[in-house]
């Protein structure tokens, strides 16, 4: 990709089509899963365009480029402009939007640099549920159980009753991710919810089968 077009020219060009092309190429680089593109993707984090930064964060996660972990963590900046409010929740709206924060959290989980664990633990107190949930999942991928209670909540269908904006498909997908990630921690806290999901009381066959396999691997 770097040799197929004048990539550096597209970086400095303000034309919307050039930005769209650059974003497309950044996503394509991530699809390769090849860390050969790590440095050029890392440079894209300096873009003024949120679309470019978002694409770069996603692709750096996809190629699991560990040198990017520090810079992605810096995107979620707690020292210069973010603040903790009295309730204990963290507001980052003064820094970047929640989509970028969420994408950064997911990327850190894929990269797996354990130096990002303290930051991800702090994100468990974020004000946005999706960021909390994906922080717990990212931590579990690194073998850290700080978010295990959150993951256990995600295994419980009743938990989602509090979130009216989540539809059935989104709930199923989230439960499946939680079932899968529970394998990383192998904690007894998950057993009750997994047993329920593996029973005939669970209506979704994919969830039921995934829970059964997980129980066999963890508890049998």
N, C-alpha and C. Protein backbone atom coordinates (compact mmCIF):
# COMPACT_ATOMS: atom_id res chain seq x y z
N UNK A 1 0.82 -1.20 0.00
CA UNK A 1 0.00 0.00 0.00
C UNK A 1 0.86 1.26 0.00
N UNK A 2 1.98 1.22 0.73
CA UNK A 2 2.81 2.41 0.81
C UNK A 2 3.43 2.76 -0.54
N UNK A 3 3.67 1.77 -1.37
CA UNK A 3 4.31 2.03 -2.64
C UNK A 3 3.31 2.21 -3.79
N UNK A 4 2.03 1.96 -3.55
CA UNK A 4 1.06 1.98 -4.64
C UNK A 4 0.54 3.38 -4.95
N UNK A 5 0.63 4.33 -3.97
CA UNK A 5 0.21 5.71 -4.20
C UNK A 5 1.19 6.63 -3.50
N UNK A 6 1.08 7.92 -3.77
CA UNK A 6 1.89 8.90 -3.07
C UNK A 6 1.27 9.13 -1.69
N UNK A 7 1.57 8.26 -0.76
CA UNK A 7 0.90 8.26 0.54
C UNK A 7 1.20 9.53 1.32
N UNK A 8 2.46 9.94 1.34
CA UNK A 8 2.81 11.12 2.11
C UNK A 8 2.09 12.37 1.58
N UNK A 9 1.87 12.43 0.26
CA UNK A 9 1.15 13.57 -0.30
C UNK A 9 -0.29 13.58 0.18
N UNK A 10 -0.87 12.41 0.30
CA UNK A 10 -2.26 12.36 0.74
C UNK A 10 -2.40 12.77 2.20
N UNK A 11 -1.30 12.63 2.97
CA UNK A 11 -1.35 13.03 4.38
C UNK A 11 -1.57 14.54 4.51
N UNK A 12 -0.89 15.31 3.70
CA UNK A 12 -0.94 16.76 3.85
C UNK A 12 -2.01 17.43 3.00
N UNK A 13 -2.71 16.65 2.19
CA UNK A 13 -3.71 17.21 1.31
C UNK A 13 -5.03 17.34 2.06
N UNK A 14 -5.63 18.54 2.03
CA UNK A 14 -6.87 18.77 2.77
C UNK A 14 -8.11 18.33 1.99
N UNK A 15 -7.95 17.88 0.77
CA UNK A 15 -9.08 17.47 -0.04
C UNK A 15 -9.80 16.30 0.61
N UNK A 16 -11.15 16.39 0.68
CA UNK A 16 -11.94 15.36 1.36
C UNK A 16 -11.74 13.99 0.73
N UNK A 17 -11.63 13.93 -0.60
CA UNK A 17 -11.44 12.64 -1.27
C UNK A 17 -10.11 12.01 -0.88
N UNK A 18 -9.09 12.86 -0.72
CA UNK A 18 -7.79 12.33 -0.29
C UNK A 18 -7.86 11.76 1.12
N UNK A 19 -8.61 12.44 2.00
CA UNK A 19 -8.78 11.92 3.35
C UNK A 19 -9.54 10.58 3.32
N UNK A 20 -10.54 10.49 2.48
CA UNK A 20 -11.28 9.23 2.35
C UNK A 20 -10.38 8.13 1.83
N UNK A 21 -9.51 8.46 0.87
CA UNK A 21 -8.57 7.47 0.34
C UNK A 21 -7.60 7.04 1.41
N UNK A 22 -7.11 8.00 2.17
CA UNK A 22 -6.16 7.68 3.22
C UNK A 22 -6.81 6.78 4.28
N UNK A 23 -8.04 7.10 4.66
CA UNK A 23 -8.74 6.29 5.64
C UNK A 23 -8.92 4.87 5.12
N UNK A 24 -9.29 4.74 3.86
CA UNK A 24 -9.46 3.42 3.25
C UNK A 24 -8.15 2.63 3.30
N UNK A 25 -7.03 3.28 2.96
CA UNK A 25 -5.74 2.61 2.97
C UNK A 25 -5.32 2.20 4.38
N UNK A 26 -5.62 3.05 5.34
CA UNK A 26 -5.28 2.73 6.73
C UNK A 26 -6.04 1.49 7.19
N UNK A 27 -7.32 1.44 6.86
CA UNK A 27 -8.13 0.26 7.22
C UNK A 27 -7.58 -0.98 6.52
N UNK A 28 -7.20 -0.84 5.24
CA UNK A 28 -6.66 -1.97 4.48
C UNK A 28 -5.36 -2.47 5.09
N UNK A 29 -4.53 -1.56 5.58
CA UNK A 29 -3.28 -1.96 6.24
C UNK A 29 -3.57 -2.81 7.47
N UNK A 30 -4.59 -2.43 8.22
CA UNK A 30 -4.96 -3.21 9.39
C UNK A 30 -5.46 -4.59 9.03
N UNK A 31 -6.17 -4.69 7.91
CA UNK A 31 -6.71 -5.99 7.48
C UNK A 31 -5.61 -6.99 7.17
N UNK A 32 -4.41 -6.49 6.82
CA UNK A 32 -3.31 -7.40 6.48
C UNK A 32 -2.78 -8.14 7.70
N UNK A 33 -3.02 -7.59 8.91
CA UNK A 33 -2.48 -8.14 10.16
C UNK A 33 -0.95 -8.13 10.17
N UNK A 34 -0.34 -7.28 9.36
CA UNK A 34 1.10 -7.25 9.17
C UNK A 34 1.68 -6.02 9.86
N UNK A 35 2.60 -6.23 10.83
CA UNK A 35 3.15 -5.09 11.55
C UNK A 35 4.14 -4.28 10.71
N UNK A 36 4.35 -4.68 9.47
CA UNK A 36 5.15 -3.90 8.53
C UNK A 36 4.60 -2.48 8.42
N UNK A 37 3.30 -2.33 8.59
CA UNK A 37 2.66 -1.03 8.44
C UNK A 37 2.60 -0.25 9.75
N UNK A 38 3.21 -0.77 10.80
CA UNK A 38 3.11 -0.15 12.11
C UNK A 38 3.54 1.30 12.17
N UNK A 39 4.69 1.61 11.61
CA UNK A 39 5.21 2.97 11.72
C UNK A 39 4.35 3.99 10.99
N UNK A 40 3.90 3.65 9.79
CA UNK A 40 3.08 4.61 9.05
C UNK A 40 1.72 4.77 9.70
N UNK A 41 1.19 3.72 10.29
CA UNK A 41 -0.07 3.82 11.02
C UNK A 41 0.11 4.66 12.29
N UNK A 42 1.24 4.48 12.94
CA UNK A 42 1.53 5.25 14.14
C UNK A 42 1.57 6.75 13.84
N UNK A 43 2.15 7.10 12.69
CA UNK A 43 2.23 8.51 12.31
C UNK A 43 0.84 9.10 12.05
N UNK A 44 -0.10 8.25 11.65
CA UNK A 44 -1.45 8.73 11.36
C UNK A 44 -2.20 9.17 12.62
N UNK A 45 -1.70 8.77 13.80
CA UNK A 45 -2.33 9.20 15.05
C UNK A 45 -2.17 10.70 15.28
N UNK A 46 -1.24 11.32 14.55
CA UNK A 46 -1.03 12.77 14.69
C UNK A 46 -1.96 13.59 13.81
N UNK A 47 -2.81 12.91 13.05
CA UNK A 47 -3.70 13.62 12.14
C UNK A 47 -4.70 14.50 12.89
N UNK A 48 -5.06 15.62 12.26
CA UNK A 48 -6.11 16.47 12.82
C UNK A 48 -7.50 15.92 12.54
N UNK A 49 -7.58 14.92 11.67
CA UNK A 49 -8.88 14.35 11.30
C UNK A 49 -9.27 13.23 12.25
N UNK A 50 -10.41 13.35 12.95
CA UNK A 50 -10.87 12.25 13.82
C UNK A 50 -11.07 10.95 13.06
N UNK A 51 -11.50 11.03 11.79
CA UNK A 51 -11.72 9.83 10.99
C UNK A 51 -10.40 9.09 10.75
N UNK A 52 -9.35 9.84 10.44
CA UNK A 52 -8.04 9.25 10.21
C UNK A 52 -7.51 8.62 11.49
N UNK A 53 -7.60 9.38 12.60
CA UNK A 53 -7.12 8.85 13.88
C UNK A 53 -7.86 7.58 14.26
N UNK A 54 -9.18 7.59 14.08
CA UNK A 54 -10.00 6.43 14.43
C UNK A 54 -9.58 5.21 13.61
N UNK A 55 -9.40 5.40 12.32
CA UNK A 55 -8.99 4.30 11.44
C UNK A 55 -7.62 3.77 11.85
N UNK A 56 -6.72 4.70 12.19
CA UNK A 56 -5.36 4.30 12.58
C UNK A 56 -5.36 3.51 13.88
N UNK A 57 -6.15 3.97 14.86
CA UNK A 57 -6.23 3.26 16.14
C UNK A 57 -6.74 1.83 15.92
N UNK A 58 -7.80 1.71 15.13
CA UNK A 58 -8.35 0.38 14.83
C UNK A 58 -7.31 -0.51 14.18
N UNK A 59 -6.60 0.01 13.18
CA UNK A 59 -5.65 -0.81 12.43
C UNK A 59 -4.44 -1.17 13.28
N UNK A 60 -3.98 -0.27 14.14
CA UNK A 60 -2.86 -0.59 15.03
C UNK A 60 -3.26 -1.72 15.99
N UNK A 61 -4.52 -1.72 16.39
CA UNK A 61 -5.01 -2.84 17.20
C UNK A 61 -5.05 -4.14 16.41
N UNK A 62 -5.49 -4.04 15.16
CA UNK A 62 -5.60 -5.23 14.32
C UNK A 62 -4.24 -5.88 14.07
N UNK A 63 -3.20 -5.06 13.88
CA UNK A 63 -1.86 -5.63 13.63
C UNK A 63 -1.11 -5.87 14.94
N UNK A 64 -1.74 -5.52 16.07
CA UNK A 64 -1.17 -5.73 17.41
C UNK A 64 0.23 -5.12 17.52
N UNK A 65 0.30 -3.86 17.13
CA UNK A 65 1.59 -3.17 17.08
C UNK A 65 1.92 -2.59 18.46
N UNK A 66 2.76 -3.30 19.21
CA UNK A 66 3.03 -2.93 20.60
C UNK A 66 3.65 -1.56 20.78
N UNK A 67 4.52 -1.10 19.85
CA UNK A 67 5.06 0.26 20.03
C UNK A 67 3.98 1.35 20.04
N UNK A 68 2.78 1.02 19.58
CA UNK A 68 1.70 2.01 19.53
C UNK A 68 0.97 2.15 20.86
N UNK A 69 1.19 1.24 21.80
CA UNK A 69 0.40 1.22 23.03
C UNK A 69 0.55 2.52 23.82
N UNK A 70 1.76 3.05 23.88
CA UNK A 70 1.98 4.28 24.66
C UNK A 70 1.23 5.45 24.03
N UNK A 71 1.33 5.58 22.72
CA UNK A 71 0.69 6.71 22.05
C UNK A 71 -0.82 6.60 22.09
N UNK A 72 -1.35 5.38 21.96
CA UNK A 72 -2.79 5.19 22.05
C UNK A 72 -3.26 5.51 23.47
N UNK A 73 -2.47 5.12 24.46
CA UNK A 73 -2.82 5.45 25.85
C UNK A 73 -2.83 6.95 26.06
N UNK A 74 -1.91 7.65 25.41
CA UNK A 74 -1.84 9.10 25.57
C UNK A 74 -3.06 9.80 24.97
N UNK A 75 -3.71 9.13 24.01
CA UNK A 75 -4.93 9.69 23.43
C UNK A 75 -5.99 9.84 24.52
N UNK A 76 -6.00 8.87 25.43
CA UNK A 76 -6.91 8.95 26.58
C UNK A 76 -6.14 9.69 27.68
N UNK A 77 -6.19 11.00 27.64
CA UNK A 77 -5.29 11.81 28.45
C UNK A 77 -5.97 12.26 29.74
N UNK A 78 -5.48 11.73 30.86
CA UNK A 78 -6.08 12.07 32.15
C UNK A 78 -5.36 13.23 32.83
N UNK A 79 -4.17 13.59 32.36
CA UNK A 79 -3.36 14.55 33.11
C UNK A 79 -3.52 15.99 32.63
N UNK A 80 -3.78 16.20 31.33
CA UNK A 80 -3.78 17.56 30.82
C UNK A 80 -5.17 18.19 30.76
N UNK A 81 -6.19 17.42 30.34
CA UNK A 81 -7.49 18.09 30.19
C UNK A 81 -8.65 17.27 30.73
N UNK A 82 -8.44 16.00 31.06
CA UNK A 82 -9.54 15.21 31.61
C UNK A 82 -9.56 15.33 33.13
N UNK A 83 -10.69 15.10 33.71
CA UNK A 83 -10.80 15.26 35.14
C UNK A 83 -11.72 14.21 35.73
N UNK A 84 -11.47 13.90 36.98
CA UNK A 84 -12.35 12.99 37.71
C UNK A 84 -13.36 13.84 38.49
N UNK A 85 -14.61 13.51 38.33
CA UNK A 85 -15.64 14.25 39.05
C UNK A 85 -15.96 13.55 40.37
N UNK A 86 -16.67 14.21 41.24
CA UNK A 86 -16.83 13.74 42.61
C UNK A 86 -17.50 12.38 42.70
N UNK A 87 -18.33 12.04 41.74
CA UNK A 87 -19.04 10.76 41.80
C UNK A 87 -18.11 9.58 41.56
N UNK A 88 -16.90 9.85 41.13
CA UNK A 88 -15.98 8.76 40.84
C UNK A 88 -15.94 8.40 39.39
N UNK A 89 -16.84 8.96 38.59
CA UNK A 89 -16.83 8.70 37.16
C UNK A 89 -15.87 9.65 36.47
N UNK A 90 -15.37 9.22 35.32
CA UNK A 90 -14.38 10.00 34.60
C UNK A 90 -15.02 10.62 33.37
N UNK A 91 -14.80 11.90 33.18
CA UNK A 91 -15.31 12.59 31.99
C UNK A 91 -14.15 12.88 31.05
N UNK A 92 -14.28 12.44 29.79
CA UNK A 92 -13.22 12.71 28.82
C UNK A 92 -13.75 13.54 27.65
N UNK A 93 -14.92 14.11 27.80
CA UNK A 93 -15.53 14.85 26.69
C UNK A 93 -14.70 16.08 26.32
N UNK A 94 -13.91 16.57 27.29
CA UNK A 94 -13.09 17.73 26.98
C UNK A 94 -11.88 17.34 26.14
N UNK A 95 -11.62 16.06 26.02
CA UNK A 95 -10.43 15.62 25.29
C UNK A 95 -10.79 15.13 23.89
N UNK A 96 -11.42 14.00 23.80
CA UNK A 96 -11.82 13.40 22.53
C UNK A 96 -13.19 12.77 22.73
N UNK A 97 -13.85 12.42 21.64
CA UNK A 97 -15.19 11.88 21.80
C UNK A 97 -15.14 10.42 22.26
N UNK A 98 -16.30 9.94 22.71
CA UNK A 98 -16.36 8.62 23.31
C UNK A 98 -16.04 7.51 22.32
N UNK A 99 -16.35 7.72 21.04
CA UNK A 99 -16.04 6.70 20.04
C UNK A 99 -14.54 6.48 19.94
N UNK A 100 -13.79 7.56 19.99
CA UNK A 100 -12.33 7.44 19.91
C UNK A 100 -11.77 6.78 21.16
N UNK A 101 -12.33 7.13 22.32
CA UNK A 101 -11.91 6.48 23.56
C UNK A 101 -12.20 4.98 23.51
N UNK A 102 -13.41 4.63 23.08
CA UNK A 102 -13.80 3.22 22.99
C UNK A 102 -12.88 2.46 22.03
N UNK A 103 -12.60 3.07 20.89
CA UNK A 103 -11.72 2.42 19.90
C UNK A 103 -10.32 2.24 20.47
N UNK A 104 -9.84 3.21 21.23
CA UNK A 104 -8.52 3.12 21.84
C UNK A 104 -8.48 1.99 22.87
N UNK A 105 -9.53 1.88 23.67
CA UNK A 105 -9.61 0.81 24.68
C UNK A 105 -9.57 -0.56 24.01
N UNK A 106 -10.37 -0.74 22.96
CA UNK A 106 -10.41 -2.02 22.25
C UNK A 106 -9.05 -2.33 21.64
N UNK A 107 -8.40 -1.31 21.06
CA UNK A 107 -7.09 -1.52 20.45
C UNK A 107 -6.06 -1.93 21.49
N UNK A 108 -6.09 -1.31 22.66
CA UNK A 108 -5.14 -1.68 23.71
C UNK A 108 -5.33 -3.13 24.14
N UNK A 109 -6.58 -3.58 24.18
CA UNK A 109 -6.84 -4.98 24.51
C UNK A 109 -6.27 -5.93 23.48
N UNK A 110 -6.35 -5.56 22.21
CA UNK A 110 -5.81 -6.40 21.14
C UNK A 110 -4.28 -6.39 21.14
N UNK A 111 -3.70 -5.21 21.42
CA UNK A 111 -2.24 -5.11 21.43
C UNK A 111 -1.65 -5.90 22.59
N UNK A 112 -2.28 -5.83 23.74
CA UNK A 112 -1.89 -6.67 24.86
C UNK A 112 -0.66 -6.23 25.62
N UNK A 113 -0.35 -4.95 25.58
CA UNK A 113 0.79 -4.43 26.36
C UNK A 113 0.35 -4.24 27.80
N UNK A 114 0.94 -4.99 28.70
CA UNK A 114 0.51 -4.96 30.10
C UNK A 114 0.79 -3.62 30.78
N UNK A 115 1.61 -2.80 30.17
CA UNK A 115 1.84 -1.46 30.73
C UNK A 115 0.59 -0.59 30.66
N UNK A 116 -0.36 -1.00 29.83
CA UNK A 116 -1.61 -0.22 29.72
C UNK A 116 -2.66 -0.65 30.73
N UNK A 117 -2.35 -1.66 31.54
CA UNK A 117 -3.32 -2.16 32.52
C UNK A 117 -3.79 -1.08 33.50
N UNK A 118 -2.89 -0.29 34.10
CA UNK A 118 -3.38 0.74 35.05
C UNK A 118 -4.38 1.71 34.42
N UNK A 119 -4.13 2.09 33.18
CA UNK A 119 -5.06 2.99 32.49
C UNK A 119 -6.41 2.32 32.27
N UNK A 120 -6.38 1.06 31.83
CA UNK A 120 -7.63 0.33 31.58
C UNK A 120 -8.41 0.11 32.88
N UNK A 121 -7.70 -0.12 33.97
CA UNK A 121 -8.38 -0.25 35.26
C UNK A 121 -9.09 1.05 35.60
N UNK A 122 -8.45 2.17 35.34
CA UNK A 122 -9.08 3.47 35.59
C UNK A 122 -10.32 3.66 34.72
N UNK A 123 -10.27 3.12 33.50
CA UNK A 123 -11.40 3.27 32.60
C UNK A 123 -12.62 2.46 33.04
N UNK A 124 -12.45 1.57 34.00
CA UNK A 124 -13.60 0.84 34.54
C UNK A 124 -14.56 1.78 35.27
N UNK A 125 -14.11 2.99 35.55
CA UNK A 125 -14.96 3.99 36.20
C UNK A 125 -15.45 5.06 35.23
N UNK A 126 -15.38 4.75 33.95
CA UNK A 126 -15.84 5.72 32.95
C UNK A 126 -17.35 5.87 33.03
N UNK A 127 -17.84 6.98 32.47
CA UNK A 127 -19.28 7.24 32.53
C UNK A 127 -20.07 6.53 31.43
N UNK A 128 -19.38 6.02 30.40
CA UNK A 128 -20.07 5.36 29.30
C UNK A 128 -20.01 3.83 29.46
N UNK A 129 -21.16 3.15 29.47
CA UNK A 129 -21.17 1.69 29.67
C UNK A 129 -20.29 0.91 28.69
N UNK A 130 -20.35 1.25 27.40
CA UNK A 130 -19.56 0.50 26.42
C UNK A 130 -18.07 0.57 26.71
N UNK A 131 -17.62 1.72 27.18
CA UNK A 131 -16.20 1.88 27.50
C UNK A 131 -15.84 1.06 28.74
N UNK A 132 -16.73 1.05 29.71
CA UNK A 132 -16.51 0.22 30.90
C UNK A 132 -16.42 -1.25 30.50
N UNK A 133 -17.39 -1.71 29.70
CA UNK A 133 -17.43 -3.12 29.32
C UNK A 133 -16.19 -3.53 28.53
N UNK A 134 -15.81 -2.70 27.56
CA UNK A 134 -14.66 -3.08 26.74
C UNK A 134 -13.34 -2.92 27.49
N UNK A 135 -13.30 -2.07 28.50
CA UNK A 135 -12.11 -2.00 29.36
C UNK A 135 -11.96 -3.30 30.14
N UNK A 136 -13.07 -3.82 30.67
CA UNK A 136 -13.03 -5.10 31.39
C UNK A 136 -12.59 -6.23 30.48
N UNK A 137 -13.08 -6.23 29.24
CA UNK A 137 -12.71 -7.27 28.29
C UNK A 137 -11.24 -7.15 27.90
N UNK A 138 -10.78 -5.91 27.69
CA UNK A 138 -9.37 -5.69 27.35
C UNK A 138 -8.46 -6.18 28.48
N UNK A 139 -8.84 -5.90 29.70
CA UNK A 139 -8.05 -6.36 30.85
C UNK A 139 -8.01 -7.87 30.92
N UNK A 140 -9.16 -8.51 30.71
CA UNK A 140 -9.22 -9.97 30.76
C UNK A 140 -8.32 -10.60 29.70
N UNK A 141 -8.23 -9.98 28.55
CA UNK A 141 -7.34 -10.49 27.49
C UNK A 141 -5.89 -10.53 27.94
N UNK A 142 -5.56 -9.65 28.90
CA UNK A 142 -4.19 -9.61 29.43
C UNK A 142 -4.06 -10.40 30.72
N UNK A 143 -5.13 -11.12 31.08
CA UNK A 143 -5.08 -11.94 32.28
C UNK A 143 -5.34 -11.17 33.56
N UNK A 144 -5.81 -9.93 33.45
CA UNK A 144 -6.10 -9.12 34.64
C UNK A 144 -7.59 -9.23 34.97
N UNK A 145 -7.91 -9.55 36.21
CA UNK A 145 -9.31 -9.81 36.58
C UNK A 145 -9.99 -8.62 37.25
N UNK A 146 -9.43 -7.42 37.09
CA UNK A 146 -10.02 -6.24 37.73
C UNK A 146 -11.45 -6.00 37.30
N UNK A 147 -11.80 -6.42 36.09
CA UNK A 147 -13.14 -6.19 35.58
C UNK A 147 -14.01 -7.43 35.57
N UNK A 148 -13.65 -8.43 36.37
CA UNK A 148 -14.39 -9.70 36.31
C UNK A 148 -15.85 -9.56 36.71
N UNK A 149 -16.15 -8.67 37.65
CA UNK A 149 -17.55 -8.48 38.06
C UNK A 149 -18.36 -7.88 36.91
N UNK A 150 -17.72 -7.03 36.14
CA UNK A 150 -18.39 -6.44 34.97
C UNK A 150 -18.65 -7.50 33.92
N UNK A 151 -17.67 -8.34 33.67
CA UNK A 151 -17.85 -9.43 32.70
C UNK A 151 -18.95 -10.37 33.16
N UNK A 152 -19.01 -10.62 34.46
CA UNK A 152 -20.08 -11.48 34.97
C UNK A 152 -21.45 -10.85 34.75
N UNK A 153 -21.54 -9.53 34.90
CA UNK A 153 -22.80 -8.84 34.59
C UNK A 153 -23.18 -9.04 33.13
N UNK A 154 -22.19 -8.99 32.25
CA UNK A 154 -22.44 -9.13 30.81
C UNK A 154 -22.93 -10.53 30.44
N UNK A 155 -22.74 -11.48 31.34
CA UNK A 155 -23.22 -12.84 31.12
C UNK A 155 -24.68 -13.01 31.53
N UNK A 156 -25.27 -11.97 32.10
CA UNK A 156 -26.62 -12.04 32.66
C UNK A 156 -27.58 -11.24 31.78
N UNK A 157 -28.54 -11.90 31.15
CA UNK A 157 -29.51 -11.21 30.30
C UNK A 157 -30.26 -10.10 31.05
N UNK A 158 -30.52 -10.32 32.31
CA UNK A 158 -31.29 -9.33 33.08
C UNK A 158 -30.53 -8.01 33.19
N UNK A 159 -29.23 -8.08 33.13
CA UNK A 159 -28.40 -6.87 33.24
C UNK A 159 -28.72 -5.87 32.14
N UNK A 160 -29.07 -6.37 30.97
CA UNK A 160 -29.30 -5.50 29.81
C UNK A 160 -30.65 -4.78 29.86
N UNK A 161 -31.50 -5.16 30.80
CA UNK A 161 -32.78 -4.50 30.93
C UNK A 161 -32.61 -3.02 31.29
N UNK A 162 -31.45 -2.69 31.83
CA UNK A 162 -31.17 -1.31 32.21
C UNK A 162 -30.73 -0.45 31.03
N UNK A 163 -30.55 -1.09 29.87
CA UNK A 163 -30.03 -0.38 28.70
C UNK A 163 -30.99 -0.56 27.53
N UNK A 164 -31.97 0.32 27.47
CA UNK A 164 -33.04 0.19 26.48
C UNK A 164 -32.56 0.40 25.04
N UNK A 165 -31.39 1.02 24.89
CA UNK A 165 -30.88 1.29 23.53
C UNK A 165 -30.16 0.09 22.93
N UNK A 166 -30.00 -0.99 23.69
CA UNK A 166 -29.34 -2.19 23.19
C UNK A 166 -30.39 -3.16 22.68
N UNK A 167 -30.30 -3.49 21.40
CA UNK A 167 -31.28 -4.42 20.83
C UNK A 167 -30.87 -5.87 21.05
N UNK A 168 -31.71 -6.78 20.63
CA UNK A 168 -31.48 -8.21 20.88
C UNK A 168 -30.18 -8.69 20.24
N UNK A 169 -29.92 -8.27 19.02
CA UNK A 169 -28.70 -8.71 18.33
C UNK A 169 -27.45 -8.22 19.04
N UNK A 170 -27.47 -6.97 19.46
CA UNK A 170 -26.32 -6.42 20.19
C UNK A 170 -26.11 -7.14 21.51
N UNK A 171 -27.22 -7.46 22.19
CA UNK A 171 -27.11 -8.17 23.45
C UNK A 171 -26.52 -9.56 23.25
N UNK A 172 -26.98 -10.26 22.24
CA UNK A 172 -26.47 -11.61 21.95
C UNK A 172 -24.97 -11.55 21.66
N UNK A 173 -24.57 -10.61 20.83
CA UNK A 173 -23.15 -10.49 20.48
C UNK A 173 -22.29 -10.18 21.71
N UNK A 174 -22.81 -9.32 22.58
CA UNK A 174 -22.06 -8.96 23.79
C UNK A 174 -21.95 -10.14 24.73
N UNK A 175 -23.03 -10.89 24.88
CA UNK A 175 -23.00 -12.09 25.74
C UNK A 175 -22.00 -13.10 25.19
N UNK A 176 -21.98 -13.28 23.88
CA UNK A 176 -21.04 -14.23 23.28
C UNK A 176 -19.59 -13.82 23.53
N UNK A 177 -19.32 -12.52 23.45
CA UNK A 177 -17.97 -12.03 23.75
C UNK A 177 -17.63 -12.29 25.21
N UNK A 178 -18.59 -12.04 26.10
CA UNK A 178 -18.36 -12.25 27.53
C UNK A 178 -18.12 -13.73 27.83
N UNK A 179 -18.87 -14.60 27.17
CA UNK A 179 -18.67 -16.05 27.35
C UNK A 179 -17.26 -16.42 26.92
N UNK A 180 -16.85 -15.93 25.77
CA UNK A 180 -15.53 -16.24 25.25
C UNK A 180 -14.42 -15.72 26.15
N UNK A 181 -14.56 -14.49 26.64
CA UNK A 181 -13.51 -13.88 27.44
C UNK A 181 -13.44 -14.49 28.83
N UNK A 182 -14.54 -15.08 29.30
CA UNK A 182 -14.51 -15.72 30.62
C UNK A 182 -13.52 -16.87 30.65
N UNK A 183 -13.21 -17.42 29.47
CA UNK A 183 -12.20 -18.48 29.38
C UNK A 183 -10.81 -17.99 29.77
N UNK A 184 -10.55 -16.70 29.57
CA UNK A 184 -9.24 -16.15 29.87
C UNK A 184 -8.99 -16.10 31.37
N UNK A 185 -10.05 -15.91 32.15
CA UNK A 185 -9.90 -15.74 33.59
C UNK A 185 -10.18 -17.00 34.38
N UNK A 186 -11.09 -17.85 33.85
CA UNK A 186 -11.42 -19.13 34.53
C UNK A 186 -11.75 -18.91 36.01
N UNK A 187 -12.61 -17.95 36.27
CA UNK A 187 -12.95 -17.60 37.65
C UNK A 187 -14.27 -18.24 38.05
N UNK A 188 -14.38 -18.74 39.29
CA UNK A 188 -15.65 -19.34 39.76
C UNK A 188 -16.83 -18.39 39.73
N UNK A 189 -16.56 -17.09 39.73
CA UNK A 189 -17.66 -16.11 39.74
C UNK A 189 -18.58 -16.25 38.53
N UNK A 190 -18.06 -16.81 37.43
CA UNK A 190 -18.85 -16.92 36.20
C UNK A 190 -19.74 -18.15 36.16
N UNK A 191 -19.52 -19.07 37.07
CA UNK A 191 -20.14 -20.40 36.93
C UNK A 191 -21.66 -20.35 36.92
N UNK A 192 -22.27 -19.59 37.82
CA UNK A 192 -23.73 -19.56 37.90
C UNK A 192 -24.35 -19.03 36.61
N UNK A 193 -23.83 -17.92 36.11
CA UNK A 193 -24.39 -17.35 34.89
C UNK A 193 -24.11 -18.23 33.67
N UNK A 194 -22.94 -18.85 33.63
CA UNK A 194 -22.64 -19.75 32.52
C UNK A 194 -23.55 -20.97 32.53
N UNK A 195 -23.82 -21.48 33.71
CA UNK A 195 -24.72 -22.64 33.82
C UNK A 195 -26.12 -22.29 33.32
N UNK A 196 -26.57 -21.09 33.64
CA UNK A 196 -27.88 -20.66 33.15
C UNK A 196 -27.87 -20.56 31.62
N UNK A 197 -26.82 -19.93 31.09
CA UNK A 197 -26.74 -19.76 29.64
C UNK A 197 -26.62 -21.08 28.90
N UNK A 198 -26.08 -22.09 29.58
CA UNK A 198 -25.91 -23.41 28.96
C UNK A 198 -27.17 -24.27 29.06
N UNK A 199 -28.15 -23.80 29.81
CA UNK A 199 -29.36 -24.58 30.04
C UNK A 199 -30.40 -24.31 28.97
N UNK A 200 -31.48 -25.07 29.03
CA UNK A 200 -32.58 -24.90 28.08
C UNK A 200 -33.34 -23.60 28.31
N UNK A 201 -33.06 -22.91 29.42
CA UNK A 201 -33.69 -21.63 29.70
C UNK A 201 -33.17 -20.53 28.77
N UNK A 202 -31.98 -20.74 28.22
CA UNK A 202 -31.41 -19.78 27.27
C UNK A 202 -31.97 -20.06 25.88
N UNK A 203 -32.56 -19.05 25.28
CA UNK A 203 -33.26 -19.24 24.01
C UNK A 203 -32.34 -19.25 22.79
N UNK A 204 -31.18 -18.63 22.91
CA UNK A 204 -30.28 -18.54 21.75
C UNK A 204 -29.33 -19.73 21.71
N UNK A 205 -29.37 -20.47 20.62
CA UNK A 205 -28.59 -21.70 20.52
C UNK A 205 -27.09 -21.42 20.49
N UNK A 206 -26.67 -20.35 19.85
CA UNK A 206 -25.24 -20.03 19.81
C UNK A 206 -24.70 -19.74 21.20
N UNK A 207 -25.46 -18.98 21.98
CA UNK A 207 -25.05 -18.69 23.35
C UNK A 207 -25.00 -19.97 24.17
N UNK A 208 -26.04 -20.80 24.02
CA UNK A 208 -26.11 -22.03 24.79
C UNK A 208 -24.91 -22.94 24.51
N UNK A 209 -24.60 -23.10 23.24
CA UNK A 209 -23.47 -23.97 22.86
C UNK A 209 -22.14 -23.40 23.33
N UNK A 210 -21.98 -22.07 23.19
CA UNK A 210 -20.73 -21.44 23.62
C UNK A 210 -20.55 -21.58 25.13
N UNK A 211 -21.65 -21.41 25.88
CA UNK A 211 -21.57 -21.55 27.33
C UNK A 211 -21.24 -22.98 27.74
N UNK A 212 -21.83 -23.95 27.06
CA UNK A 212 -21.54 -25.36 27.36
C UNK A 212 -20.06 -25.67 27.14
N UNK A 213 -19.51 -25.23 26.01
CA UNK A 213 -18.10 -25.48 25.73
C UNK A 213 -17.20 -24.80 26.74
N UNK A 214 -17.58 -23.60 27.15
CA UNK A 214 -16.78 -22.86 28.11
C UNK A 214 -16.79 -23.56 29.46
N UNK A 215 -17.94 -24.03 29.88
CA UNK A 215 -18.05 -24.75 31.16
C UNK A 215 -17.18 -25.99 31.14
N UNK A 216 -17.20 -26.72 30.03
CA UNK A 216 -16.37 -27.93 29.91
C UNK A 216 -14.89 -27.62 30.04
N UNK A 217 -14.48 -26.51 29.44
CA UNK A 217 -13.06 -26.15 29.45
C UNK A 217 -12.61 -25.60 30.80
N UNK A 218 -13.52 -24.89 31.49
CA UNK A 218 -13.12 -24.25 32.76
C UNK A 218 -13.33 -25.15 33.95
N UNK A 219 -14.49 -25.78 34.02
CA UNK A 219 -14.88 -26.42 35.29
C UNK A 219 -14.84 -27.94 35.26
N UNK A 220 -14.66 -28.54 34.10
CA UNK A 220 -14.66 -30.01 34.04
C UNK A 220 -13.25 -30.56 33.85
